PDB file of N, CA and C in Angstrom:
ATOM      1  N   MET A   1     -19.601 -47.384   7.758  1.00  0.00           N
ATOM      2  CA  MET A   1     -18.181 -47.110   7.906  1.00  0.00           C
ATOM      3  C   MET A   1     -17.560 -46.920   6.523  1.00  0.00           C
ATOM      4  N   ASN A   2     -16.527 -46.096   6.493  1.00  0.00           N
ATOM      5  CA  ASN A   2     -15.791 -45.834   5.265  1.00  0.00           C
ATOM      6  C   ASN A   2     -14.308 -46.045   5.514  1.00  0.00           C
ATOM      7  N   VAL A   3     -13.640 -46.671   4.567  1.00  0.00           N
ATOM      8  CA  VAL A   3     -12.188 -46.826   4.589  1.00  0.00           C
ATOM      9  C   VAL A   3     -11.649 -46.064   3.384  1.00  0.00           C
ATOM     10  N   VAL A   4     -10.668 -45.219   3.622  1.00  0.00           N
ATOM     11  CA  VAL A   4     -10.041 -44.490   2.512  1.00  0.00           C
ATOM     12  C   VAL A   4      -8.593 -44.944   2.383  1.00  0.00           C
ATOM     13  N   ASP A   5      -8.144 -45.035   1.152  1.00  0.00           N
ATOM     14  CA  ASP A   5      -6.746 -45.416   0.941  1.00  0.00           C
ATOM     15  C   ASP A   5      -5.904 -44.173   0.717  1.00  0.00           C
ATOM     16  N   SER A   6      -4.617 -44.369   0.517  1.00  0.00           N
ATOM     17  CA  SER A   6      -3.703 -43.235   0.390  1.00  0.00           C
ATOM     18  C   SER A   6      -4.007 -42.394  -0.845  1.00  0.00           C
ATOM     19  N   SER A   7      -4.423 -43.011  -1.939  1.00  0.00           N
ATOM     20  CA  SER A   7      -4.710 -42.227  -3.137  1.00  0.00           C
ATOM     21  C   SER A   7      -5.897 -41.294  -2.905  1.00  0.00           C
ATOM     22  N   ALA A   8      -6.889 -41.751  -2.168  1.00  0.00           N
ATOM     23  CA  ALA A   8      -8.042 -40.910  -1.849  1.00  0.00           C
ATOM     24  C   ALA A   8      -7.635 -39.757  -0.940  1.00  0.00           C
ATOM     25  N   CYS A   9      -6.823 -40.049   0.062  1.00  0.00           N
ATOM     26  CA  CYS A   9      -6.356 -38.998   0.988  1.00  0.00           C
ATOM     27  C   CYS A   9      -5.517 -37.963   0.250  1.00  0.00           C
ATOM     28  N   LEU A  10      -4.608 -38.414  -0.580  1.00  0.00           N
ATOM     29  CA  LEU A  10      -3.741 -37.493  -1.314  1.00  0.00           C
ATOM     30  C   LEU A  10      -4.550 -36.631  -2.281  1.00  0.00           C
ATOM     31  N   SER A  11      -5.548 -37.208  -2.907  1.00  0.00           N
ATOM     32  CA  SER A  11      -6.427 -36.456  -3.793  1.00  0.00           C
ATOM     33  C   SER A  11      -7.163 -35.375  -3.017  1.00  0.00           C
ATOM     34  N   TYR A  12      -7.691 -35.739  -1.865  1.00  0.00           N
ATOM     35  CA  TYR A  12      -8.426 -34.797  -1.019  1.00  0.00           C
ATOM     36  C   TYR A  12      -7.525 -33.648  -0.565  1.00  0.00           C
ATOM     37  N   PHE A  13      -6.347 -33.967  -0.046  1.00  0.00           N
ATOM     38  CA  PHE A  13      -5.441 -32.935   0.462  1.00  0.00           C
ATOM     39  C   PHE A  13      -4.877 -32.057  -0.655  1.00  0.00           C
ATOM     40  N   ALA A  14      -4.708 -32.624  -1.842  1.00  0.00           N
ATOM     41  CA  ALA A  14      -4.179 -31.859  -2.965  1.00  0.00           C
ATOM     42  C   ALA A  14      -5.248 -30.986  -3.609  1.00  0.00           C
ATOM     43  N   GLY A  15      -6.505 -31.292  -3.348  1.00  0.00           N
ATOM     44  CA  GLY A  15      -7.586 -30.520  -3.941  1.00  0.00           C
ATOM     45  C   GLY A  15      -7.700 -30.743  -5.438  1.00  0.00           C
ATOM     46  N   ASP A  16      -7.373 -31.954  -5.893  1.00  0.00           N
ATOM     47  CA  ASP A  16      -7.426 -32.218  -7.328  1.00  0.00           C
ATOM     48  C   ASP A  16      -8.869 -32.445  -7.792  1.00  0.00           C
ATOM     49  N   GLY A  17      -9.036 -32.889  -9.008  1.00  0.00           N
ATOM     50  CA  GLY A  17     -10.360 -33.038  -9.607  1.00  0.00           C
ATOM     51  C   GLY A  17     -11.278 -34.015  -8.890  1.00  0.00           C
ATOM     52  N   ASN A  18     -10.742 -34.941  -8.148  1.00  0.00           N
ATOM     53  CA  ASN A  18     -11.563 -35.909  -7.414  1.00  0.00           C
ATOM     54  C   ASN A  18     -11.710 -35.577  -5.932  1.00  0.00           C
ATOM     55  N   ALA A  19     -11.127 -34.498  -5.487  1.00  0.00           N
ATOM     56  CA  ALA A  19     -11.150 -34.149  -4.066  1.00  0.00           C
ATOM     57  C   ALA A  19     -12.561 -34.069  -3.506  1.00  0.00           C
ATOM     58  N   ALA A  20     -13.475 -33.487  -4.254  1.00  0.00           N
ATOM     59  CA  ALA A  20     -14.854 -33.345  -3.774  1.00  0.00           C
ATOM     60  C   ALA A  20     -15.506 -34.711  -3.539  1.00  0.00           C
ATOM     61  N   MET A  21     -15.178 -35.667  -4.381  1.00  0.00           N
ATOM     62  CA  MET A  21     -15.749 -37.017  -4.215  1.00  0.00           C
ATOM     63  C   MET A  21     -15.274 -37.672  -2.921  1.00  0.00           C
ATOM     64  N   PHE A  22     -14.033 -37.398  -2.545  1.00  0.00           N
ATOM     65  CA  PHE A  22     -13.494 -38.019  -1.337  1.00  0.00           C
ATOM     66  C   PHE A  22     -13.770 -37.211  -0.070  1.00  0.00           C
ATOM     67  N   SER A  23     -14.198 -35.963  -0.226  1.00  0.00           N
ATOM     68  CA  SER A  23     -14.402 -35.116   0.951  1.00  0.00           C
ATOM     69  C   SER A  23     -15.521 -35.631   1.848  1.00  0.00           C
ATOM     70  N   LYS A  24     -16.575 -36.175   1.257  1.00  0.00           N
ATOM     71  CA  LYS A  24     -17.698 -36.647   2.074  1.00  0.00           C
ATOM     72  C   LYS A  24     -17.284 -37.764   3.041  1.00  0.00           C
ATOM     73  N   PRO A  25     -16.683 -38.856   2.550  1.00  0.00           N
ATOM     74  CA  PRO A  25     -16.304 -39.896   3.512  1.00  0.00           C
ATOM     75  C   PRO A  25     -15.192 -39.449   4.469  1.00  0.00           C
ATOM     76  N   ILE A  26     -14.294 -38.595   4.013  1.00  0.00           N
ATOM     77  CA  ILE A  26     -13.197 -38.157   4.877  1.00  0.00           C
ATOM     78  C   ILE A  26     -13.709 -37.244   5.986  1.00  0.00           C
ATOM     79  N   LYS A  27     -14.670 -36.395   5.686  1.00  0.00           N
ATOM     80  CA  LYS A  27     -15.193 -35.462   6.686  1.00  0.00           C
ATOM     81  C   LYS A  27     -16.166 -36.110   7.682  1.00  0.00           C
ATOM     82  N   GLN A  28     -16.630 -37.300   7.382  1.00  0.00           N
ATOM     83  CA  GLN A  28     -17.504 -38.016   8.314  1.00  0.00           C
ATOM     84  C   GLN A  28     -16.643 -38.807   9.299  1.00  0.00           C
ATOM     85  N   LEU A  29     -15.998 -38.066  10.202  1.00  0.00           N
ATOM     86  CA  LEU A  29     -15.003 -38.666  11.092  1.00  0.00           C
ATOM     87  C   LEU A  29     -15.510 -39.844  11.920  1.00  0.00           C
ATOM     88  N   PRO A  30     -16.726 -39.796  12.497  1.00  0.00           N
ATOM     89  CA  PRO A  30     -17.170 -40.958  13.279  1.00  0.00           C
ATOM     90  C   PRO A  30     -17.316 -42.232  12.444  1.00  0.00           C
ATOM     91  N   GLU A  31     -17.448 -42.078  11.131  1.00  0.00           N
ATOM     92  CA  GLU A  31     -17.618 -43.221  10.232  1.00  0.00           C
ATOM     93  C   GLU A  31     -16.348 -43.564   9.457  1.00  0.00           C
ATOM     94  N   LEU A  32     -15.246 -42.880   9.763  1.00  0.00           N
ATOM     95  CA  LEU A  32     -14.026 -43.024   8.969  1.00  0.00           C
ATOM     96  C   LEU A  32     -13.028 -43.977   9.620  1.00  0.00           C
ATOM     97  N   LEU A  33     -12.557 -44.907   8.827  1.00  0.00           N
ATOM     98  CA  LEU A  33     -11.472 -45.802   9.236  1.00  0.00           C
ATOM     99  C   LEU A  33     -10.287 -45.529   8.321  1.00  0.00           C
ATOM    100  N   VAL A  34      -9.134 -45.258   8.914  1.00  0.00           N
ATOM    101  CA  VAL A  34      -7.925 -45.014   8.132  1.00  0.00           C
ATOM    102  C   VAL A  34      -6.872 -46.017   8.592  1.00  0.00           C
ATOM    103  N   PRO A  35      -6.577 -47.001   7.761  1.00  0.00           N
ATOM    104  CA  PRO A  35      -5.557 -47.984   8.130  1.00  0.00           C
ATOM    105  C   PRO A  35      -4.202 -47.307   8.342  1.00  0.00           C
ATOM    106  N   THR A  36      -3.424 -47.834   9.249  1.00  0.00           N
ATOM    107  CA  THR A  36      -2.115 -47.246   9.533  1.00  0.00           C
ATOM    108  C   THR A  36      -1.215 -47.246   8.296  1.00  0.00           C
ATOM    109  N   ILE A  37      -1.364 -48.220   7.421  1.00  0.00           N
ATOM    110  CA  ILE A  37      -0.543 -48.231   6.207  1.00  0.00           C
ATOM    111  C   ILE A  37      -0.906 -47.052   5.308  1.00  0.00           C
ATOM    112  N   THR A  38      -2.166 -46.617   5.339  1.00  0.00           N
ATOM    113  CA  THR A  38      -2.575 -45.437   4.576  1.00  0.00           C
ATOM    114  C   THR A  38      -1.869 -44.202   5.103  1.00  0.00           C
ATOM    115  N   ILE A  39      -1.820 -44.051   6.415  1.00  0.00           N
ATOM    116  CA  ILE A  39      -1.128 -42.912   7.025  1.00  0.00           C
ATOM    117  C   ILE A  39       0.346 -42.936   6.645  1.00  0.00           C
ATOM    118  N   THR A  40       0.952 -44.103   6.692  1.00  0.00           N
ATOM    119  CA  THR A  40       2.359 -44.243   6.326  1.00  0.00           C
ATOM    120  C   THR A  40       2.590 -43.836   4.871  1.00  0.00           C
ATOM    121  N   GLU A  41       1.748 -44.315   3.971  1.00  0.00           N
ATOM    122  CA  GLU A  41       1.909 -43.988   2.557  1.00  0.00           C
ATOM    123  C   GLU A  41       1.709 -42.495   2.290  1.00  0.00           C
ATOM    124  N   VAL A  42       0.744 -41.881   2.977  1.00  0.00           N
ATOM    125  CA  VAL A  42       0.504 -40.446   2.799  1.00  0.00           C
ATOM    126  C   VAL A  42       1.712 -39.656   3.270  1.00  0.00           C
ATOM    127  N   PHE A  43       2.223 -39.968   4.457  1.00  0.00           N
ATOM    128  CA  PHE A  43       3.396 -39.259   4.967  1.00  0.00           C
ATOM    129  C   PHE A  43       4.603 -39.465   4.061  1.00  0.00           C
ATOM    130  N   LYS A  44       4.798 -40.686   3.584  1.00  0.00           N
ATOM    131  CA  LYS A  44       5.924 -40.982   2.697  1.00  0.00           C
ATOM    132  C   LYS A  44       5.833 -40.133   1.434  1.00  0.00           C
ATOM    133  N   ASN A  45       4.642 -40.035   0.863  1.00  0.00           N
ATOM    134  CA  ASN A  45       4.441 -39.261  -0.350  1.00  0.00           C
ATOM    135  C   ASN A  45       4.634 -37.775  -0.100  1.00  0.00           C
ATOM    136  N   VAL A  46       4.084 -37.274   0.981  1.00  0.00           N
ATOM    137  CA  VAL A  46       4.205 -35.849   1.302  1.00  0.00           C
ATOM    138  C   VAL A  46       5.658 -35.488   1.568  1.00  0.00           C
ATOM    139  N   LEU A  47       6.363 -36.303   2.319  1.00  0.00           N
ATOM    140  CA  LEU A  47       7.763 -36.002   2.621  1.00  0.00           C
ATOM    141  C   LEU A  47       8.636 -36.044   1.374  1.00  0.00           C
ATOM    142  N   ARG A  48       8.290 -36.919   0.429  1.00  0.00           N
ATOM    143  CA  ARG A  48       9.054 -37.008  -0.814  1.00  0.00           C
ATOM    144  C   ARG A  48       8.855 -35.746  -1.651  1.00  0.00           C
ATOM    145  N   GLN A  49       7.659 -35.139  -1.575  1.00  0.00           N
ATOM    146  CA  GLN A  49       7.350 -33.968  -2.377  1.00  0.00           C
ATOM    147  C   GLN A  49       7.645 -32.658  -1.653  1.00  0.00           C
ATOM    148  N   LEU A  50       7.698 -32.680  -0.320  1.00  0.00           N
ATOM    149  CA  LEU A  50       7.858 -31.437   0.447  1.00  0.00           C
ATOM    150  C   LEU A  50       8.890 -31.633   1.536  1.00  0.00           C
ATOM    151  N   PRO A  51      10.188 -31.367   1.220  1.00  0.00           N
ATOM    152  CA  PRO A  51      11.215 -31.486   2.250  1.00  0.00           C
ATOM    153  C   PRO A  51      10.985 -30.416   3.317  1.00  0.00           C
ATOM    154  N   LEU A  52      10.405 -30.838   4.415  1.00  0.00           N
ATOM    155  CA  LEU A  52       9.980 -29.919   5.466  1.00  0.00           C
ATOM    156  C   LEU A  52      11.135 -29.104   6.022  1.00  0.00           C
ATOM    157  N   ALA A  53      12.235 -29.736   6.354  1.00  0.00           N
ATOM    158  CA  ALA A  53      13.363 -29.010   6.927  1.00  0.00           C
ATOM    159  C   ALA A  53      13.874 -27.946   5.966  1.00  0.00           C
ATOM    160  N   ASP A  54      14.034 -28.294   4.695  1.00  0.00           N
ATOM    161  CA  ASP A  54      14.503 -27.323   3.699  1.00  0.00           C
ATOM    162  C   ASP A  54      13.535 -26.154   3.569  1.00  0.00           C
ATOM    163  N   SER A  55      12.253 -26.444   3.616  1.00  0.00           N
ATOM    164  CA  SER A  55      11.250 -25.384   3.509  1.00  0.00           C
ATOM    165  C   SER A  55      11.346 -24.412   4.673  1.00  0.00           C
ATOM    166  N   ILE A  56      11.527 -24.938   5.878  1.00  0.00           N
ATOM    167  CA  ILE A  56      11.632 -24.086   7.073  1.00  0.00           C
ATOM    168  C   ILE A  56      12.909 -23.254   7.026  1.00  0.00           C
ATOM    169  N   ILE A  57      14.003 -23.867   6.629  1.00  0.00           N
ATOM    170  CA  ILE A  57      15.284 -23.158   6.543  1.00  0.00           C
ATOM    171  C   ILE A  57      15.186 -22.017   5.531  1.00  0.00           C
ATOM    172  N   PHE A  58      14.648 -22.301   4.350  1.00  0.00           N
ATOM    173  CA  PHE A  58      14.545 -21.275   3.318  1.00  0.00           C
ATOM    174  C   PHE A  58      13.582 -20.161   3.739  1.00  0.00           C
ATOM    175  N   ALA A  59      12.460 -20.525   4.351  1.00  0.00           N
ATOM    176  CA  ALA A  59      11.491 -19.521   4.804  1.00  0.00           C
ATOM    177  C   ALA A  59      12.089 -18.621   5.879  1.00  0.00           C
ATOM    178  N   THR A  60      12.893 -19.192   6.771  1.00  0.00           N
ATOM    179  CA  THR A  60      13.542 -18.402   7.819  1.00  0.00           C
ATOM    180  C   THR A  60      14.514 -17.407   7.208  1.00  0.00           C
ATOM    181  N   ALA A  61      15.330 -17.865   6.278  1.00  0.00           N
ATOM    182  CA  ALA A  61      16.284 -16.966   5.608  1.00  0.00           C
ATOM    183  C   ALA A  61      15.546 -15.853   4.879  1.00  0.00           C
ATOM    184  N   LYS A  62      14.482 -16.202   4.193  1.00  0.00           N
ATOM    185  CA  LYS A  62      13.716 -15.221   3.430  1.00  0.00           C
ATOM    186  C   LYS A  62      13.068 -14.186   4.355  1.00  0.00           C
ATOM    187  N   LYS A  63      12.495 -14.624   5.470  1.00  0.00           N
ATOM    188  CA  LYS A  63      11.825 -13.711   6.407  1.00  0.00           C
ATOM    189  C   LYS A  63      12.784 -12.663   6.945  1.00  0.00           C
ATOM    190  N   TYR A  64      14.001 -13.066   7.213  1.00  0.00           N
ATOM    191  CA  TYR A  64      14.977 -12.150   7.794  1.00  0.00           C
ATOM    192  C   TYR A  64      15.938 -11.568   6.755  1.00  0.00           C
ATOM    193  N   ALA A  65      15.619 -11.738   5.480  1.00  0.00           N
ATOM    194  CA  ALA A  65      16.458 -11.236   4.389  1.00  0.00           C
ATOM    195  C   ALA A  65      17.910 -11.664   4.574  1.00  0.00           C
ATOM    196  N   ALA A  66      18.078 -12.895   5.002  1.00  0.00           N
ATOM    197  CA  ALA A  66      19.410 -13.453   5.256  1.00  0.00           C
ATOM    198  C   ALA A  66      19.903 -14.215   4.031  1.00  0.00           C
ATOM    199  N   VAL A  67      21.190 -14.359   3.946  1.00  0.00           N
ATOM    200  CA  VAL A  67      21.794 -15.189   2.908  1.00  0.00           C
ATOM    201  C   VAL A  67      21.858 -16.609   3.440  1.00  0.00           C
ATOM    202  N   LEU A  68      21.386 -17.538   2.646  1.00  0.00           N
ATOM    203  CA  LEU A  68      21.420 -18.950   3.017  1.00  0.00           C
ATOM    204  C   LEU A  68      22.640 -19.594   2.378  1.00  0.00           C
ATOM    205  N   TRP A  69      23.530 -20.120   3.193  1.00  0.00           N
ATOM    206  CA  TRP A  69      24.739 -20.807   2.728  1.00  0.00           C
ATOM    207  C   TRP A  69      24.481 -22.301   2.804  1.00  0.00           C
ATOM    208  N   THR A  70      24.725 -23.004   1.707  1.00  0.00           N
ATOM    209  CA  THR A  70      24.363 -24.419   1.675  1.00  0.00           C
ATOM    210  C   THR A  70      25.177 -25.206   0.659  1.00  0.00           C
ATOM    211  N   GLN A  71      25.194 -26.515   0.860  1.00  0.00           N
ATOM    212  CA  GLN A  71      25.732 -27.470  -0.113  1.00  0.00           C
ATOM    213  C   GLN A  71      24.600 -28.284  -0.727  1.00  0.00           C
ATOM    214  N   ASP A  72      23.367 -27.990  -0.342  1.00  0.00           N
ATOM    215  CA  ASP A  72      22.193 -28.722  -0.805  1.00  0.00           C
ATOM    216  C   ASP A  72      21.773 -28.183  -2.170  1.00  0.00           C
ATOM    217  N   ASN A  73      21.935 -28.997  -3.213  1.00  0.00           N
ATOM    218  CA  ASN A  73      21.691 -28.519  -4.576  1.00  0.00           C
ATOM    219  C   ASN A  73      20.229 -28.168  -4.860  1.00  0.00           C
ATOM    220  N   GLU A  74      19.308 -28.531  -3.981  1.00  0.00           N
ATOM    221  CA  GLU A  74      17.913 -28.140  -4.166  1.00  0.00           C
ATOM    222  C   GLU A  74      17.731 -26.624  -4.030  1.00  0.00           C
ATOM    223  N   PHE A  75      18.665 -25.952  -3.365  1.00  0.00           N
ATOM    224  CA  PHE A  75      18.594 -24.505  -3.179  1.00  0.00           C
ATOM    225  C   PHE A  75      19.279 -23.730  -4.301  1.00  0.00           C
ATOM    226  N   GLU A  76      20.042 -24.416  -5.129  1.00  0.00           N
ATOM    227  CA  GLU A  76      20.825 -23.741  -6.170  1.00  0.00           C
ATOM    228  C   GLU A  76      19.930 -22.890  -7.073  1.00  0.00           C
ATOM    229  N   GLY A  77      20.341 -21.640  -7.273  1.00  0.00           N
ATOM    230  CA  GLY A  77      19.611 -20.740  -8.150  1.00  0.00           C
ATOM    231  C   GLY A  77      18.523 -19.928  -7.469  1.00  0.00           C
ATOM    232  N   LEU A  78      18.240 -20.201  -6.204  1.00  0.00           N
ATOM    233  CA  LEU A  78      17.221 -19.428  -5.497  1.00  0.00           C
ATOM    234  C   LEU A  78      17.801 -18.101  -5.005  1.00  0.00           C
ATOM    235  N   GLU A  79      16.944 -17.126  -4.858  1.00  0.00           N
ATOM    236  CA  GLU A  79      17.342 -15.788  -4.430  1.00  0.00           C
ATOM    237  C   GLU A  79      18.001 -15.823  -3.046  1.00  0.00           C
ATOM    238  N   ASN A  80      19.088 -15.089  -2.900  1.00  0.00           N
ATOM    239  CA  ASN A  80      19.845 -14.966  -1.647  1.00  0.00           C
ATOM    240  C   ASN A  80      20.396 -16.294  -1.135  1.00  0.00           C
ATOM    241  N   VAL A  81      20.673 -17.205  -2.052  1.00  0.00           N
ATOM    242  CA  VAL A  81      21.271 -18.486  -1.682  1.00  0.00           C
ATOM    243  C   VAL A  81      22.681 -18.537  -2.233  1.00  0.00           C
ATOM    244  N   ARG A  82      23.603 -18.925  -1.381  1.00  0.00           N
ATOM    245  CA  ARG A  82      24.991 -19.145  -1.797  1.00  0.00           C
ATOM    246  C   ARG A  82      25.225 -20.645  -1.751  1.00  0.00           C
ATOM    247  N   TYR A  83      25.096 -21.247  -2.924  1.00  0.00           N
ATOM    248  CA  TYR A  83      25.268 -22.697  -3.041  1.00  0.00           C
ATOM    249  C   TYR A  83      26.713 -23.004  -3.379  1.00  0.00           C
ATOM    250  N   ILE A  84      27.308 -23.880  -2.606  1.00  0.00           N
ATOM    251  CA  ILE A  84      28.673 -24.353  -2.842  1.00  0.00           C
ATOM    252  C   ILE A  84      28.587 -25.877  -3.004  1.00  0.00           C
ATOM    253  N   SER A  85      28.970 -26.383  -4.173  1.00  0.00           N
ATOM    254  CA  SER A  85      28.864 -27.816  -4.384  1.00  0.00           C
ATOM    255  C   SER A  85      29.819 -28.570  -3.474  1.00  0.00           C
ATOM    256  N   LYS A  86      29.409 -29.764  -3.116  1.00  0.00           N
ATOM    257  CA  LYS A  86      30.210 -30.609  -2.228  1.00  0.00           C
ATOM    258  C   LYS A  86      31.459 -31.060  -2.942  1.00  0.00           C
ATOM    259  N   LYS A  87      32.560 -31.047  -2.227  1.00  0.00           N
ATOM    260  CA  LYS A  87      33.814 -31.565  -2.765  1.00  0.00           C
ATOM    261  C   LYS A  87      34.009 -32.971  -2.236  1.00  0.00           C
ATOM    262  N   SER A  88      34.374 -33.865  -3.124  1.00  0.00           N
ATOM    263  CA  SER A  88      34.620 -35.229  -2.675  1.00  0.00           C
ATOM    264  C   SER A  88      35.955 -35.283  -1.945  1.00  0.00           C
ATOM    265  N   THR A  89      36.043 -36.165  -0.983  1.00  0.00           N
ATOM    266  CA  THR A  89      37.280 -36.259  -0.177  1.00  0.00           C
ATOM    267  C   THR A  89      38.243 -37.247  -0.764  1.00  0.00           C
TER     268      THR A  89
END
């Protein structure tokens, strides 16, 4: 049996310099144990680096050559984005 932690999973999914070392135990599914805390840490890390909703919204606007109107400063400066900063009340 093999147990992989979040750092091993993230390395494998990122394809970094150690990915090949972790691919063997990860690909041996019948022998793989993944603690639930590892899954939680991987999702937490991925969500912190890849805002899924923002990615889908931007990709949709880009596919249809639409203008994206937003107050989300992560979009500021991107092509076809109209960013309006939030006004405090």
